[in-house]
């Protein structure tokens, strides 16, 4: 198939909640004004309508598979990738994730190119294109939802049960307004199982900043961890921010972020010491297998037996068996919580039963699709032309240095920053 000299925007099919777009109509209009052809796949569910894209100058079509550059949000299907094509998406391949190695192998086999938004970085190595803020905003909200409903199941009625799921609000402003009303109702309750009502937020990245932003927007009071246990002065809700240096310690020296990233095996987690004084945890810490867990299984078990765990654990990071080791499954936007029973090992969706309630939605930003898409699109559009014009058959050197790492596959060859993925690929030559 001859590829069309155009940019194609895919209709998302990952799950029934996925309504985001990589480029919003206003940014599409900008590209069209610069002389680029943009084709948009028809979608009955997208947060921005087909008519909005038409008005921006895009051509709305049934199939964009013949476009030279494809833009999606979540990972594409192998059947959507053609030889010589460049695809930009969150591919979930860069850590060697086993479930998407067949997708990576397909790019290599057909000679296509793969750009992953997760590794578009600036010259200092910081991510430039991300939805993390909205994961934090929606994740903090769903943690309050989980807390309120878990307490109600345990026999402690409270005003947080009035909250709806983030995906059920038209936008961030409506979600914040309703939460403020619920918190005001909490303040009027004569007695409450929430008192003293405190939430801990861990981490310092976009996710954590988004969670803290949500709590600021709904009128929570920021307090130092030394003040945990006291009733907030001006709000029914206190929020403590546990930074990396407060969660992770090094026995033989002071914490520095550079050292922690380079040599995480030198550090231990002490985050558990703060949690008996809070009703909920919102975890935004980055984790992979090199790093210490915030809460490993033995710590969780000890705290559970001593009734020292928060009522709700909001694992916004949602790394299965990762930073919060009892995060054993992912949940969905309209059913965000499960209860993990350490005695049986069962994880039951909902807020009922013995164990601990864990919020673990793995696709939180799609709960606020228009807000999230606008921010993401604004960050992405400066890089689109560079990826559209790149000839990856000649390698990645034509790209600015900060963008080269984003190329996971260049014309059927692993990009220079991702050659280590060779070990994770299927061993069967036919599968590759």
Protein backbone atom coordinates (compact mmCIF):
# COMPACT_ATOMS: atom_id res chain seq x y z
CA UNK A 1 0.00 0.00 0.00
CA UNK A 2 1.29 3.42 -0.94
CA UNK A 3 1.26 5.73 2.06
CA UNK A 4 -0.47 9.07 1.86
CA UNK A 5 1.59 12.16 2.73
CA UNK A 6 -0.68 13.01 5.65
CA UNK A 7 -1.08 12.81 9.41
CA UNK A 8 -3.76 10.41 10.61
CA UNK A 9 -5.50 10.60 14.01
CA UNK A 10 -6.81 7.24 15.18
CA UNK A 11 -10.11 6.47 16.89
CA UNK A 12 -9.23 4.93 20.28
CA UNK A 13 -10.48 1.41 20.99
CA UNK A 14 -8.52 0.43 24.11
CA UNK A 15 -11.62 0.40 26.34
CA UNK A 16 -15.09 1.90 26.57
CA UNK A 17 -13.86 4.88 28.60
CA UNK A 18 -11.08 5.96 26.24
CA UNK A 19 -12.29 9.21 24.63
CA UNK A 20 -9.03 11.19 24.50
CA UNK A 21 -7.26 12.48 21.40
CA UNK A 22 -3.55 13.16 20.80
CA UNK A 23 -4.36 16.42 18.99
CA UNK A 24 -7.41 18.59 19.66
CA UNK A 25 -9.13 20.53 16.85
CA UNK A 26 -7.43 23.85 17.67
CA UNK A 27 -3.98 22.27 17.23
CA UNK A 28 -5.11 20.45 14.10
CA UNK A 29 -6.11 23.84 12.67
CA UNK A 30 -2.60 25.07 13.43
CA UNK A 31 -1.02 22.18 11.48
CA UNK A 32 -3.44 22.57 8.58
CA UNK A 33 -2.60 26.27 8.49
CA UNK A 34 1.06 25.29 8.13
CA UNK A 35 0.25 23.24 5.05
CA UNK A 36 0.03 19.75 6.55
CA UNK A 37 -2.79 17.38 5.59
CA UNK A 38 -4.62 15.91 8.60
CA UNK A 39 -7.09 13.03 8.37
CA UNK A 40 -9.20 12.00 11.37
CA UNK A 41 -10.79 8.60 11.76
CA UNK A 42 -14.51 8.83 12.46
CA UNK A 43 -15.49 8.19 16.07
CA UNK A 44 -18.87 8.09 17.81
CA UNK A 45 -17.27 8.29 21.26
CA UNK A 46 -14.36 10.75 21.02
CA UNK A 47 -14.53 13.73 23.43
CA UNK A 48 -14.17 16.04 20.43
CA UNK A 49 -16.71 15.50 17.67
CA UNK A 50 -16.09 14.79 14.01
CA UNK A 51 -17.68 18.15 13.21
CA UNK A 52 -15.17 19.95 15.44
CA UNK A 53 -12.32 18.38 13.47
CA UNK A 54 -13.96 19.22 10.13
CA UNK A 55 -14.27 22.83 11.21
CA UNK A 56 -10.53 22.78 11.99
CA UNK A 57 -9.74 21.80 8.41
CA UNK A 58 -9.22 18.06 8.85
CA UNK A 59 -10.69 15.43 6.54
CA UNK A 60 -12.85 12.98 8.51
CA UNK A 61 -12.64 9.47 7.05
CA UNK A 62 -13.41 5.86 7.96
CA UNK A 63 -9.80 4.68 7.78
CA UNK A 64 -6.51 6.52 8.32
CA UNK A 65 -4.34 3.45 7.84
CA UNK A 66 -2.77 4.86 4.68
CA UNK A 67 -1.30 7.94 6.39
CA UNK A 68 2.47 8.20 6.64
CA UNK A 69 2.27 9.35 10.29
CA UNK A 70 -0.34 7.91 12.66
CA UNK A 71 -1.10 9.52 16.02
CA UNK A 72 -2.95 7.63 18.73
CA UNK A 73 -3.13 7.73 22.52
CA UNK A 74 -3.01 4.12 23.70
CA UNK A 75 -1.09 1.36 21.95
CA UNK A 76 -2.20 0.44 18.44
CA UNK A 77 -3.07 -3.00 17.12
CA UNK A 78 -0.51 -4.72 14.87
CA UNK A 79 -3.13 -4.75 12.10
CA UNK A 80 -3.08 -0.92 12.11
CA UNK A 81 0.65 -0.72 11.31
CA UNK A 82 1.91 -0.75 7.71
CA UNK A 83 5.43 -0.99 6.26
CA UNK A 84 7.23 2.35 6.15
CA UNK A 85 4.75 4.02 8.46
CA UNK A 86 5.55 5.99 11.64
CA UNK A 87 3.21 5.55 14.61
CA UNK A 88 3.21 7.71 17.74
CA UNK A 89 1.44 6.40 20.85
CA UNK A 90 1.94 5.14 24.39
CA UNK A 91 3.11 1.72 23.24
CA UNK A 92 3.77 0.15 26.65
CA UNK A 93 6.83 -1.59 25.20
CA UNK A 94 9.75 0.43 26.53
CA UNK A 95 10.13 -1.60 29.74
CA UNK A 96 9.93 -4.87 27.82
CA UNK A 97 6.30 -5.42 28.89
CA UNK A 98 5.61 -9.00 27.84
CA UNK A 99 2.01 -8.42 26.74
CA UNK A 100 3.10 -5.93 24.06
CA UNK A 101 6.24 -7.62 22.76
CA UNK A 102 4.27 -9.07 19.81
CA UNK A 103 3.38 -5.48 18.87
CA UNK A 104 7.03 -4.43 19.06
CA UNK A 105 8.00 -7.47 16.98
CA UNK A 106 5.46 -6.47 14.34
CA UNK A 107 7.06 -3.03 13.93
CA UNK A 108 10.42 -4.71 13.43
CA UNK A 109 9.06 -7.30 11.03
CA UNK A 110 7.23 -4.91 8.68
CA UNK A 111 9.83 -2.13 8.74
CA UNK A 112 7.69 0.49 10.43
CA UNK A 113 8.77 3.12 13.00
CA UNK A 114 7.46 3.54 16.55
CA UNK A 115 7.64 6.74 18.59
CA UNK A 116 6.61 6.52 22.25
CA UNK A 117 5.35 9.68 23.96
CA UNK A 118 6.67 8.45 27.30
CA UNK A 119 10.24 9.10 26.21
CA UNK A 120 9.85 12.46 24.51
CA UNK A 121 12.12 14.45 26.81
CA UNK A 122 13.84 17.81 26.99
CA UNK A 123 17.60 18.33 27.07
CA UNK A 124 17.62 17.72 30.82
CA UNK A 125 15.84 14.37 30.39
CA UNK A 126 12.48 15.52 31.76
CA UNK A 127 9.31 14.24 30.07
CA UNK A 128 7.57 16.82 27.90
CA UNK A 129 4.40 15.03 26.76
CA UNK A 130 2.32 13.30 29.42
CA UNK A 131 -1.12 12.81 30.96
CA UNK A 132 0.26 12.39 34.50
CA UNK A 133 -1.36 15.53 35.88
CA UNK A 134 -4.80 14.16 35.03
CA UNK A 135 -3.99 10.75 36.50
CA UNK A 136 -3.26 12.58 39.75
CA UNK A 137 -6.39 14.73 39.59
CA UNK A 138 -8.72 11.82 38.85
CA UNK A 139 -6.84 9.41 41.12
CA UNK A 140 -7.09 11.69 44.14
CA UNK A 141 -10.83 12.03 43.53
CA UNK A 142 -11.36 8.28 43.17
CA UNK A 143 -9.38 7.71 46.36
CA UNK A 144 -11.86 9.94 48.23
CA UNK A 145 -14.71 8.03 46.58
CA UNK A 146 -13.16 4.74 47.72
CA UNK A 147 -12.60 6.05 51.24
CA UNK A 148 -16.18 7.24 51.64
CA UNK A 149 -17.77 4.06 50.31
CA UNK A 150 -15.44 1.74 52.21
CA UNK A 151 -16.24 3.54 55.47
CA UNK A 152 -19.96 3.33 54.70
CA UNK A 153 -19.62 -0.42 54.14
CA UNK A 154 -17.89 -0.67 57.52
CA UNK A 155 -20.86 1.03 59.14
CA UNK A 156 -19.65 4.63 59.20
CA UNK A 157 -21.91 6.81 57.10
CA UNK A 158 -20.32 9.94 55.67
CA UNK A 159 -20.93 12.67 53.11
CA UNK A 160 -18.21 11.43 50.72
CA UNK A 161 -20.64 8.78 49.46
CA UNK A 162 -22.32 11.59 47.50
CA UNK A 163 -19.29 11.75 45.18
CA UNK A 164 -19.64 10.41 41.66
CA UNK A 165 -16.85 8.83 39.66
CA UNK A 166 -14.52 11.21 37.86
CA UNK A 167 -15.70 9.83 34.52
CA UNK A 168 -19.27 10.88 35.39
CA UNK A 169 -18.50 14.61 35.59
CA UNK A 170 -18.50 16.77 32.44
CA UNK A 171 -15.16 18.34 33.32
CA UNK A 172 -12.66 19.08 36.08
CA UNK A 173 -14.51 22.19 37.28
CA UNK A 174 -17.72 20.23 37.90
CA UNK A 175 -15.83 17.49 39.75
CA UNK A 176 -14.09 20.02 41.98
CA UNK A 177 -17.29 21.92 42.73
CA UNK A 178 -19.15 18.79 43.77
CA UNK A 179 -16.27 17.60 45.94
CA UNK A 180 -16.17 20.94 47.74
CA UNK A 181 -19.88 20.50 48.52
CA UNK A 182 -19.26 17.00 49.88
CA UNK A 183 -16.39 18.21 52.07
CA UNK A 184 -18.55 21.04 53.40
CA UNK A 185 -21.15 18.46 54.34
CA UNK A 186 -18.43 16.43 56.09
CA UNK A 187 -17.57 19.50 58.17
CA UNK A 188 -21.17 19.75 59.33
CA UNK A 189 -21.41 16.15 60.49
CA UNK A 190 -21.56 16.08 64.32
CA UNK A 191 -19.34 13.00 64.55
CA UNK A 192 -17.43 11.33 61.78
CA UNK A 193 -15.33 8.24 61.20
CA UNK A 194 -13.19 10.54 59.06
CA UNK A 195 -11.95 12.58 62.03
CA UNK A 196 -9.13 13.47 62.06
CA UNK A 197 -9.47 13.46 58.28
CA UNK A 198 -6.01 13.33 56.67
CA UNK A 199 -4.69 12.05 53.35
CA UNK A 200 -1.05 11.41 52.42
CA UNK A 201 0.28 12.00 48.90
CA UNK A 202 3.60 10.43 47.90
CA UNK A 203 5.91 11.40 45.06
CA UNK A 204 7.09 14.53 43.28
CA UNK A 205 6.25 13.98 39.62
CA UNK A 206 3.29 14.98 37.48
CA UNK A 207 0.98 12.43 39.08
CA UNK A 208 1.72 13.62 42.60
CA UNK A 209 1.49 17.27 41.60
CA UNK A 210 -1.87 16.57 40.00
CA UNK A 211 -3.14 14.93 43.19
CA UNK A 212 -1.94 17.85 45.30
CA UNK A 213 -3.54 20.28 42.85
CA UNK A 214 -6.87 18.47 43.27
CA UNK A 215 -6.71 18.72 47.05
CA UNK A 216 -5.83 22.40 46.81
CA UNK A 217 -8.75 22.99 44.44
CA UNK A 218 -11.25 21.31 46.77
CA UNK A 219 -10.08 23.39 49.74
CA UNK A 220 -7.95 20.92 51.68
CA UNK A 221 -5.36 22.23 54.13
CA UNK A 222 -1.72 21.31 53.52
CA UNK A 223 0.02 20.29 56.75
CA UNK A 224 3.53 19.06 57.60
CA UNK A 225 3.78 15.40 58.56
CA UNK A 226 4.61 16.46 62.12
CA UNK A 227 1.07 17.83 62.39
CA UNK A 228 -0.66 14.60 61.37
CA UNK A 229 -3.31 13.55 63.85
CA UNK A 230 -4.47 17.08 64.66
CA UNK A 231 -7.72 18.43 63.25
CA UNK A 232 -7.13 20.90 60.38
CA UNK A 233 -7.87 24.49 61.25
CA UNK A 234 -9.76 25.76 58.21
CA UNK A 235 -10.86 22.60 56.39
CA UNK A 236 -12.24 19.17 57.29
CA UNK A 237 -9.46 17.64 55.20
CA UNK A 238 -5.72 17.77 55.86
CA UNK A 239 -3.19 16.72 53.22
CA UNK A 240 0.41 15.81 53.88
CA UNK A 241 2.89 15.61 51.03
CA UNK A 242 5.52 12.91 51.58
CA UNK A 243 8.44 13.74 49.32
CA UNK A 244 10.95 11.22 48.03
CA UNK A 245 13.48 12.18 50.68
CA UNK A 246 10.89 11.57 53.42
CA UNK A 247 9.84 8.19 52.05
CA UNK A 248 13.27 6.77 51.15
CA UNK A 249 16.35 6.87 53.37
CA UNK A 250 19.93 5.78 52.98
CA UNK A 251 21.57 4.33 56.06
CA UNK A 252 25.07 5.50 55.14
CA UNK A 253 24.37 8.96 53.79
CA UNK A 254 21.94 11.72 52.97
CA UNK A 255 19.26 11.40 50.30
CA UNK A 256 19.97 12.97 46.94
CA UNK A 257 17.69 12.42 43.96
CA UNK A 258 20.61 11.82 41.61
CA UNK A 259 22.03 9.11 43.86
CA UNK A 260 18.60 7.54 44.43
CA UNK A 261 17.99 7.25 40.69
CA UNK A 262 21.49 5.92 40.00
CA UNK A 263 21.75 3.55 42.99
CA UNK A 264 18.25 2.81 44.35
CA UNK A 265 19.44 -0.41 45.98
CA UNK A 266 21.13 1.70 48.69
CA UNK A 267 17.78 3.01 49.95
CA UNK A 268 15.00 1.72 52.19
CA UNK A 269 11.38 2.81 52.36
CA UNK A 270 10.17 4.32 55.62
CA UNK A 271 6.92 5.65 54.19
CA UNK A 272 4.88 3.24 56.30
CA UNK A 273 5.72 5.16 59.48
CA UNK A 274 3.47 8.07 58.45
CA UNK A 275 0.42 6.08 57.42
CA UNK A 276 -1.25 5.14 60.73
CA UNK A 277 -2.20 8.83 61.10
CA UNK A 278 -4.03 9.11 57.75
CA UNK A 279 -7.33 7.81 56.44
CA UNK A 280 -6.14 7.42 52.85
CA UNK A 281 -2.98 7.22 50.79
CA UNK A 282 -2.57 8.59 47.25
CA UNK A 283 0.56 6.99 45.83
CA UNK A 284 2.16 8.72 42.85
CA UNK A 285 5.68 7.33 43.18
CA UNK A 286 7.40 6.01 40.08
CA UNK A 287 8.44 2.37 40.48
CA UNK A 288 10.23 -0.30 38.54
CA UNK A 289 12.04 -3.43 39.69
CA UNK A 290 15.22 -1.52 40.57
CA UNK A 291 13.53 0.61 43.22
CA UNK A 292 12.46 -0.15 46.78
CA UNK A 293 8.73 -0.54 47.26
CA UNK A 294 6.78 2.05 49.17
CA UNK A 295 4.85 -0.79 50.85
CA UNK A 296 6.03 -4.34 50.36
CA UNK A 297 3.84 -7.33 51.20
CA UNK A 298 5.42 -7.99 54.59
CA UNK A 299 4.98 -4.37 55.68
CA UNK A 300 1.39 -4.35 54.46
CA UNK A 301 0.65 -7.57 56.33
CA UNK A 302 2.16 -6.28 59.57
CA UNK A 303 0.24 -3.02 59.33
CA UNK A 304 -2.98 -4.83 58.43
CA UNK A 305 -2.67 -7.15 61.43
CA UNK A 306 -2.01 -4.14 63.68
CA UNK A 307 -4.92 -2.18 62.15
CA UNK A 308 -2.46 0.54 61.17
CA UNK A 309 -3.26 0.74 57.45
CA UNK A 310 -5.28 3.63 56.01
CA UNK A 311 -8.86 2.77 55.17
CA UNK A 312 -8.17 3.34 51.47
CA UNK A 313 -4.97 2.94 49.46
CA UNK A 314 -5.10 4.94 46.25
CA UNK A 315 -2.38 3.49 44.03
CA UNK A 316 -2.45 6.01 41.20
CA UNK A 317 0.84 4.64 39.87
CA UNK A 318 -0.94 1.27 39.49
CA UNK A 319 2.16 -0.89 39.04
CA UNK A 320 0.90 -4.43 39.53
CA UNK A 321 2.78 -6.10 42.42
CA UNK A 322 4.90 -2.95 42.40
CA UNK A 323 5.34 0.00 44.75
CA UNK A 324 2.26 -1.08 46.72
CA UNK A 325 2.71 -4.84 46.51
CA UNK A 326 -0.92 -5.65 47.24
CA UNK A 327 -1.95 -3.89 44.04
CA UNK A 328 -2.61 -7.21 42.35
CA UNK A 329 -5.08 -6.08 39.71
CA UNK A 330 -6.19 -3.00 37.80
CA UNK A 331 -9.71 -1.62 37.95
CA UNK A 332 -11.93 0.50 35.71
CA UNK A 333 -13.16 4.06 35.87
CA UNK A 334 -16.69 3.19 36.97
CA UNK A 335 -15.54 0.54 39.46
CA UNK A 336 -12.26 1.96 40.75
CA UNK A 337 -11.69 -0.10 43.90
CA UNK A 338 -11.08 -3.67 44.91
CA UNK A 339 -10.71 -5.20 48.35
CA UNK A 340 -7.64 -7.37 48.82
CA UNK A 341 -7.96 -10.10 51.44
CA UNK A 342 -4.45 -11.15 52.49
CA UNK A 343 -5.76 -14.31 54.14
CA UNK A 344 -7.28 -15.73 50.97
CA UNK A 345 -5.29 -13.77 48.38
CA UNK A 346 -8.53 -12.78 46.66
CA UNK A 347 -9.07 -9.34 45.15
CA UNK A 348 -12.78 -8.54 44.84
CA UNK A 349 -13.93 -5.52 42.85
CA UNK A 350 -15.94 -3.13 45.04
CA UNK A 351 -15.60 -1.97 48.63
CA UNK A 352 -17.05 -4.95 50.49
CA UNK A 353 -15.50 -7.83 52.37
CA UNK A 354 -12.50 -8.45 54.62
CA UNK A 355 -9.18 -6.87 53.71
CA UNK A 356 -8.02 -3.46 52.54
CA UNK A 357 -9.65 -1.25 49.88
CA UNK A 358 -7.32 -0.33 47.02
CA UNK A 359 -8.05 2.13 44.20
CA UNK A 360 -6.06 1.00 41.16
CA UNK A 361 -7.51 2.38 37.92
CA UNK A 362 -4.88 1.99 35.20
CA UNK A 363 -6.33 4.56 32.79
CA UNK A 364 -7.29 7.49 35.00
CA UNK A 365 -6.69 10.42 32.62
CA UNK A 366 -9.47 9.27 30.29
CA UNK A 367 -11.93 10.20 33.06
CA UNK A 368 -11.34 13.87 32.12
CA UNK A 369 -10.92 13.49 28.35
CA UNK A 370 -11.38 17.04 27.08
CA UNK A 371 -9.29 18.72 29.78
CA UNK A 372 -6.55 16.11 29.50
CA UNK A 373 -6.48 16.16 25.69
CA UNK A 374 -6.11 19.94 25.53
CA UNK A 375 -3.02 19.93 27.78
CA UNK A 376 -1.50 16.89 26.07
CA UNK A 377 -2.09 18.28 22.57
CA UNK A 378 -0.52 21.61 23.46
CA UNK A 379 2.61 19.77 24.62
CA UNK A 380 2.75 17.39 21.64
CA UNK A 381 2.16 19.67 18.67
CA UNK A 382 5.65 21.28 18.61
CA UNK A 383 7.16 17.85 17.88
CA UNK A 384 4.71 16.56 15.27
CA UNK A 385 6.40 18.08 12.24
CA UNK A 386 9.80 16.67 13.27
CA UNK A 387 8.42 13.12 13.42
CA UNK A 388 6.38 13.62 10.25
CA UNK A 389 9.38 14.77 8.21
CA UNK A 390 11.92 12.31 9.64
CA UNK A 391 13.29 9.61 7.34
CA UNK A 392 13.93 6.87 9.85
CA UNK A 393 15.53 4.61 7.24
CA UNK A 394 18.56 6.87 7.78
CA UNK A 395 18.46 6.50 11.58
CA UNK A 396 17.49 9.06 14.20
CA UNK A 397 20.31 11.60 13.91
CA UNK A 398 18.14 14.05 11.96
CA UNK A 399 16.04 14.58 15.10
CA UNK A 400 16.93 17.00 17.90
CA UNK A 401 18.93 15.16 20.56
CA UNK A 402 16.09 15.29 23.08
CA UNK A 403 13.72 13.46 20.70
CA UNK A 404 15.96 10.60 19.65
CA UNK A 405 15.20 8.49 22.71
CA UNK A 406 11.50 8.57 21.78
CA UNK A 407 12.18 6.45 18.68
CA UNK A 408 11.71 2.89 19.90
CA UNK A 409 11.84 1.43 16.38
CA UNK A 410 13.34 3.20 13.34
CA UNK A 411 12.33 1.61 10.03
CA UNK A 412 12.32 -1.90 11.43
CA UNK A 413 15.37 -1.56 13.69
CA UNK A 414 15.40 -0.92 17.44
CA UNK A 415 16.32 2.68 18.17
CA UNK A 416 19.75 3.33 19.69
CA UNK A 417 18.30 3.94 23.16
CA UNK A 418 16.22 0.74 23.07
CA UNK A 419 18.50 -2.01 21.81
CA UNK A 420 18.16 -3.72 25.19
CA UNK A 421 14.60 -4.69 24.24
CA UNK A 422 16.05 -7.36 21.96
CA UNK A 423 16.22 -9.70 24.96
CA UNK A 424 12.49 -9.28 25.67
CA UNK A 425 11.31 -10.05 22.14
CA UNK A 426 9.71 -13.42 21.24
CA UNK A 427 12.32 -16.08 20.64
CA UNK A 428 10.27 -17.76 17.92
CA UNK A 429 11.50 -16.36 14.57
CA UNK A 430 8.00 -16.81 13.11
CA UNK A 431 6.50 -14.65 15.87
CA UNK A 432 9.04 -11.96 15.03
